Protein backbone atom coordinates (compact mmCIF):
# COMPACT_ATOMS: atom_id res chain seq x y z
CA MET A 1 63.28 -44.19 137.57
CA ASP A 2 61.39 -43.32 134.25
CA LYS A 3 57.53 -45.72 133.93
CA HIS A 4 58.68 -47.09 131.03
CA LEU A 5 56.68 -49.68 130.65
CA ILE A 6 52.87 -49.11 131.84
CA ILE A 7 50.33 -51.87 132.06
CA GLU A 8 46.65 -51.00 133.60
CA GLY A 9 43.27 -51.94 134.61
CA VAL A 10 44.21 -54.87 131.39
CA GLY A 11 42.16 -57.76 130.54
CA VAL A 12 41.94 -60.31 127.65
CA THR A 13 38.61 -62.74 126.49
CA PHE A 14 37.90 -64.60 123.70
CA GLU A 15 35.80 -65.88 122.36
CA THR A 16 35.43 -69.43 121.69
CA LYS A 17 32.50 -72.18 120.21
CA ARG A 18 31.76 -72.48 123.97
CA GLY A 19 31.06 -69.05 124.67
CA PRO A 20 34.37 -65.77 126.12
CA PHE A 21 36.93 -67.10 127.86
CA VAL A 22 38.18 -64.65 130.00
CA ALA A 23 42.08 -65.35 130.12
CA LEU A 24 43.46 -62.43 132.08
CA ARG A 25 42.16 -60.00 134.35
CA ASP A 26 42.49 -56.52 136.39
CA VAL A 27 45.98 -56.67 134.81
CA ASP A 28 48.11 -53.52 136.61
CA LEU A 29 52.16 -52.96 136.36
CA VAL A 30 55.06 -50.50 135.69
CA VAL A 31 58.04 -51.10 134.18
CA ARG A 32 60.62 -49.01 135.13
CA LYS A 33 63.90 -48.02 132.41
CA GLY A 34 66.09 -50.36 132.82
CA GLU A 35 64.28 -52.59 134.61
CA PHE A 36 64.39 -56.44 134.61
CA VAL A 37 61.24 -58.09 135.28
CA THR A 38 59.79 -62.05 135.05
CA LEU A 39 56.64 -62.76 133.99
CA ILE A 40 56.00 -66.31 135.62
CA GLY A 41 53.01 -68.73 136.55
CA HIS A 42 51.91 -72.35 135.72
CA SER A 43 51.37 -73.19 131.81
CA GLY A 44 47.90 -71.28 130.96
CA CYS A 45 47.79 -68.60 133.43
CA GLY A 46 48.12 -65.89 130.68
CA LYS A 47 52.37 -65.31 130.79
CA SER A 48 52.40 -64.91 126.83
CA THR A 49 49.75 -63.37 125.96
CA LEU A 50 50.42 -60.40 128.86
CA LEU A 51 53.33 -60.29 126.68
CA ASN A 52 52.25 -60.57 123.51
CA LEU A 53 49.91 -57.56 124.40
CA VAL A 54 53.15 -55.33 125.29
CA ALA A 55 54.16 -56.30 121.97
CA GLY A 56 51.09 -55.42 120.08
CA LEU A 57 50.40 -58.84 118.76
CA LEU A 58 47.02 -58.82 120.52
CA HIS A 59 44.97 -56.25 122.04
CA PRO A 60 43.63 -56.15 125.62
CA THR A 61 39.64 -55.58 125.78
CA ALA A 62 40.17 -53.88 128.99
CA GLY A 63 42.55 -51.58 130.04
CA HIS A 64 45.65 -49.67 128.42
CA ILE A 65 49.48 -50.64 127.59
CA ILE A 66 51.51 -47.73 127.12
CA ALA A 67 54.83 -47.97 126.37
CA VAL A 68 57.83 -45.46 126.17
CA GLY A 69 54.82 -42.48 126.49
CA ARG A 70 52.62 -44.18 123.37
CA GLU A 71 49.57 -46.67 123.35
CA VAL A 72 50.72 -49.74 122.17
CA ALA A 73 48.27 -50.03 119.00
CA GLY A 74 50.02 -52.79 117.12
CA PRO A 75 54.04 -53.98 116.68
CA GLY A 76 56.30 -51.34 116.01
CA PRO A 77 60.32 -51.15 116.33
CA ASP A 78 60.26 -49.65 120.08
CA ARG A 79 59.60 -53.53 121.50
CA ALA A 80 61.05 -56.20 119.67
CA VAL A 81 60.55 -59.67 120.87
CA VAL A 82 62.86 -62.94 121.07
CA PHE A 83 60.95 -66.06 121.25
CA GLN A 84 61.77 -69.21 122.14
CA ASN A 85 61.48 -70.93 118.60
CA HIS A 86 64.31 -68.54 116.90
CA SER A 87 62.22 -67.61 114.14
CA LEU A 88 65.65 -67.42 111.64
CA LEU A 89 65.12 -67.40 107.71
CA PRO A 90 66.87 -70.38 106.51
CA TRP A 91 67.91 -68.83 103.15
CA MET A 92 69.55 -66.09 105.04
CA THR A 93 73.71 -65.75 106.73
CA CYS A 94 73.03 -65.00 110.37
CA PHE A 95 74.31 -61.56 109.34
CA ASP A 96 71.75 -60.97 106.46
CA ASN A 97 69.29 -62.31 109.25
CA VAL A 98 70.23 -59.64 111.58
CA TYR A 99 70.73 -56.76 109.03
CA LEU A 100 67.05 -57.64 107.66
CA ALA A 101 66.08 -56.19 110.86
CA VAL A 102 68.40 -53.58 110.75
CA GLU A 103 67.33 -52.10 107.44
CA ARG A 104 63.72 -52.11 108.48
CA VAL A 105 64.31 -49.85 111.34
CA PHE A 106 66.97 -47.68 110.20
CA GLY A 107 67.69 -48.27 106.32
CA GLY A 108 65.62 -44.61 105.42
CA SER A 109 67.62 -42.60 108.17
CA GLU A 110 71.17 -44.06 107.72
CA PRO A 111 73.51 -45.19 104.82
CA LYS A 112 74.15 -49.17 104.11
CA ALA A 113 78.03 -48.72 105.24
CA LYS A 114 75.82 -47.98 108.94
CA LEU A 115 73.70 -50.15 108.82
CA ARG A 116 76.26 -52.98 108.35
CA GLU A 117 78.11 -51.52 110.92
CA ARG A 118 75.40 -51.76 113.71
CA THR A 119 74.82 -55.21 112.27
CA ALA A 120 78.13 -56.05 112.72
CA ALA A 121 78.17 -54.96 116.65
CA ALA A 122 75.14 -56.10 117.36
CA LEU A 123 76.36 -60.38 116.70
CA ALA A 124 79.78 -58.48 118.23
CA LEU A 125 77.51 -58.02 121.09
CA VAL A 126 76.35 -61.74 121.37
CA HIS A 127 79.82 -63.20 120.73
CA LEU A 128 78.87 -64.38 117.36
CA GLU A 129 81.32 -62.27 114.80
CA HIS A 130 82.63 -66.15 113.37
CA ALA A 131 79.37 -67.38 112.35
CA ALA A 132 78.83 -63.74 110.93
CA GLN A 133 78.56 -65.73 107.14
CA LYS A 134 76.77 -69.12 108.10
CA HIS A 135 73.39 -69.90 107.83
CA PRO A 136 70.86 -70.75 110.59
CA ASN A 137 71.07 -74.59 109.75
CA GLU A 138 75.37 -74.49 110.22
CA ILE A 139 75.40 -73.57 113.72
CA SER A 140 73.13 -74.74 117.10
CA GLY A 141 70.23 -73.97 118.85
CA GLY A 142 72.15 -72.15 120.84
CA MET A 143 73.73 -70.15 118.47
CA LYS A 144 70.64 -69.39 116.79
CA GLN A 145 69.30 -68.21 120.01
CA ARG A 146 72.33 -65.55 119.61
CA VAL A 147 71.22 -64.91 116.56
CA GLY A 148 67.68 -64.04 117.76
CA ILE A 149 68.77 -61.97 120.07
CA ALA A 150 71.36 -60.02 118.55
CA ARG A 151 68.77 -59.04 115.93
CA ALA A 152 66.04 -57.62 118.98
CA LEU A 153 68.69 -56.16 120.12
CA ALA A 154 69.72 -54.68 117.09
CA MET A 155 66.60 -52.49 116.66
CA GLN A 156 67.84 -50.48 120.03
CA PRO A 157 64.76 -51.71 121.12
CA LYS A 158 62.91 -49.08 124.04
CA VAL A 159 61.32 -52.19 125.37
CA LEU A 160 63.61 -56.03 125.50
CA LEU A 161 60.26 -58.99 125.20
CA LEU A 162 61.59 -62.41 125.59
CA ASP A 163 59.11 -65.33 125.28
CA GLU A 164 61.06 -67.96 127.00
CA PRO A 165 63.81 -67.50 124.58
CA PHE A 166 65.68 -70.26 126.12
CA GLY A 167 63.45 -72.83 126.80
CA ALA A 168 64.16 -74.99 123.90
CA LEU A 169 68.25 -75.48 124.60
CA ASP A 170 69.77 -78.49 127.10
CA ALA A 171 70.39 -76.96 130.70
CA LEU A 172 74.28 -76.80 129.90
CA THR A 173 73.84 -74.09 127.08
CA ARG A 174 70.76 -72.70 129.13
CA ALA A 175 72.81 -71.31 131.78
CA LEU A 176 75.84 -69.87 129.19
CA LEU A 177 73.31 -67.86 127.57
CA GLN A 178 71.85 -66.68 130.60
CA ASP A 179 74.96 -65.30 131.84
CA GLU A 180 75.55 -63.63 128.53
CA LEU A 181 71.96 -61.64 128.49
CA ILE A 182 73.24 -60.66 132.23
CA LYS A 183 76.13 -59.38 130.20
CA ILE A 184 74.70 -58.18 127.00
CA VAL A 185 71.61 -56.21 129.80
CA ALA A 186 74.23 -54.66 132.09
CA GLN A 187 76.78 -53.24 128.82
CA THR A 188 73.13 -51.94 126.86
CA GLY A 189 71.12 -51.14 129.72
CA SER A 190 68.21 -52.35 128.23
CA THR A 191 64.48 -52.86 129.92
CA VAL A 192 63.01 -56.45 129.62
CA LEU A 193 59.77 -57.95 130.37
CA MET A 194 60.93 -61.85 130.05
CA VAL A 195 58.45 -64.49 130.58
CA THR A 196 59.60 -68.37 131.75
CA HIS A 197 58.38 -71.35 133.47
CA ASP A 198 62.04 -71.70 135.38
CA VAL A 199 62.04 -70.26 138.90
CA ASP A 200 66.24 -70.03 139.31
CA GLU A 201 66.55 -68.51 135.94
CA ALA A 202 63.44 -65.65 137.04
CA VAL A 203 65.96 -65.30 140.36
CA LEU A 204 68.81 -65.30 138.76
CA LEU A 205 68.50 -62.52 136.59
CA SER A 206 65.24 -60.00 137.26
CA ASP A 207 65.16 -56.85 139.79
CA ARG A 208 61.57 -58.02 140.09
CA VAL A 209 59.65 -60.92 139.34
CA VAL A 210 56.05 -61.06 139.38
CA MET A 211 53.71 -64.25 139.99
CA LEU A 212 50.41 -64.57 137.70
CA THR A 213 47.55 -66.81 139.49
CA ASN A 214 46.30 -69.76 137.86
CA GLY A 215 44.48 -69.10 134.72
CA PRO A 216 41.29 -68.65 133.77
CA ALA A 217 40.76 -65.40 134.81
CA ALA A 218 44.64 -65.37 135.82
CA THR A 219 45.71 -61.44 137.23
CA ILE A 220 49.00 -60.89 139.38
CA GLY A 221 48.51 -62.72 142.37
CA GLU A 222 52.52 -61.66 144.32
CA VAL A 223 55.50 -59.05 142.97
CA LEU A 224 58.71 -60.70 144.64
CA ASP A 225 61.59 -57.86 145.26
CA ILE A 226 64.99 -59.47 143.62
CA ASP A 227 67.24 -57.77 145.81
CA LEU A 228 70.15 -59.02 144.76
CA PRO A 229 73.97 -56.88 144.06
CA ARG A 230 74.92 -56.65 140.28
CA PRO A 231 76.53 -57.86 138.52
CA ARG A 232 75.33 -61.63 139.70
CA ASP A 233 77.28 -64.68 139.70
CA ARG A 234 75.42 -68.32 139.16
CA LEU A 235 78.17 -70.12 141.16
CA ALA A 236 78.63 -67.44 143.85
CA LEU A 237 74.92 -67.17 144.45
CA ALA A 238 74.29 -71.68 144.87
CA ASN A 239 74.74 -70.59 149.38
CA ASP A 240 73.57 -67.40 148.91
CA ALA A 241 70.95 -66.71 151.47
CA ARG A 242 69.33 -64.09 149.90
CA TYR A 243 69.06 -66.12 146.85
CA MET A 244 67.70 -69.22 148.59
CA ALA A 245 65.45 -67.04 149.97
CA CYS A 246 63.44 -64.90 147.10
CA ARG A 247 63.49 -69.02 145.39
CA SER A 248 61.82 -69.92 148.26
CA ALA A 249 59.21 -67.12 147.95
CA VAL A 250 58.13 -68.60 144.15
CA LEU A 251 57.94 -71.87 145.10
CA ALA A 252 55.80 -70.97 148.10
CA PHE A 253 53.67 -69.42 145.42
CA LEU A 254 53.59 -71.37 142.57
CA TYR A 255 53.06 -74.63 143.81
CA GLN A 256 51.85 -74.07 147.70
CA LYS A 257 48.94 -71.16 147.30
CA GLN A 258 48.60 -72.08 143.66
CA MET A 259 48.44 -75.71 144.08
CA LYS A 260 46.03 -75.60 146.69
CA GLN A 261 43.40 -73.43 145.04
CA ALA A 262 43.73 -75.77 142.04
CA ALA A 263 43.27 -78.58 143.98
């Protein structure tokens, strides 16, 4: 499979009043085309920092990041980000929020009719055709996150970056959106790098789970291959021995190895 994302020798040091703070060190990771990779670790281990580096929102102080054959020097339409906060513009409808991103990426090369078609298709992908003309304050939190995902997918990014996109939702809505994401990724063949605190979410969604050590100077501690067939059904996996083994491996890293080191 193609190496869609290459993170090589990456480190980040922030200058603070108390002196340099090393957030990440010696991070090496390759994400292949069509792969779903999740970053997990305790708070403060640099998961979101690493995602922001890939997004081009931060710059590494060591190493380099290559996305789809080009070194990351800043944000670009080849990488779309969905944050925990949906970041929708409240004065725009759901359709217009998505259309804004589509126009920014494709407006110079496609007619408006095609842009509207792309926007409608993205909303259909997340089953929100009926909410196209609603404003963010007229829809639920889960629907807002769907609009955010639609906006990101409408840009047709080479890499989809998800920073705890379901973290602020209730358990039932979170589960429903996880299931929707599984279907969307299968349908689009997206390459995904996702940050989560949720062990079950990581195992359910991922091809690989990347476990980070505790900060400061966090790095990759272990990488677990999730050898579970797709499509995945959460009910079928509930008592699956392979699922439970993967879950136990992540928990062992987080709550035995890392907690012991922190003690």
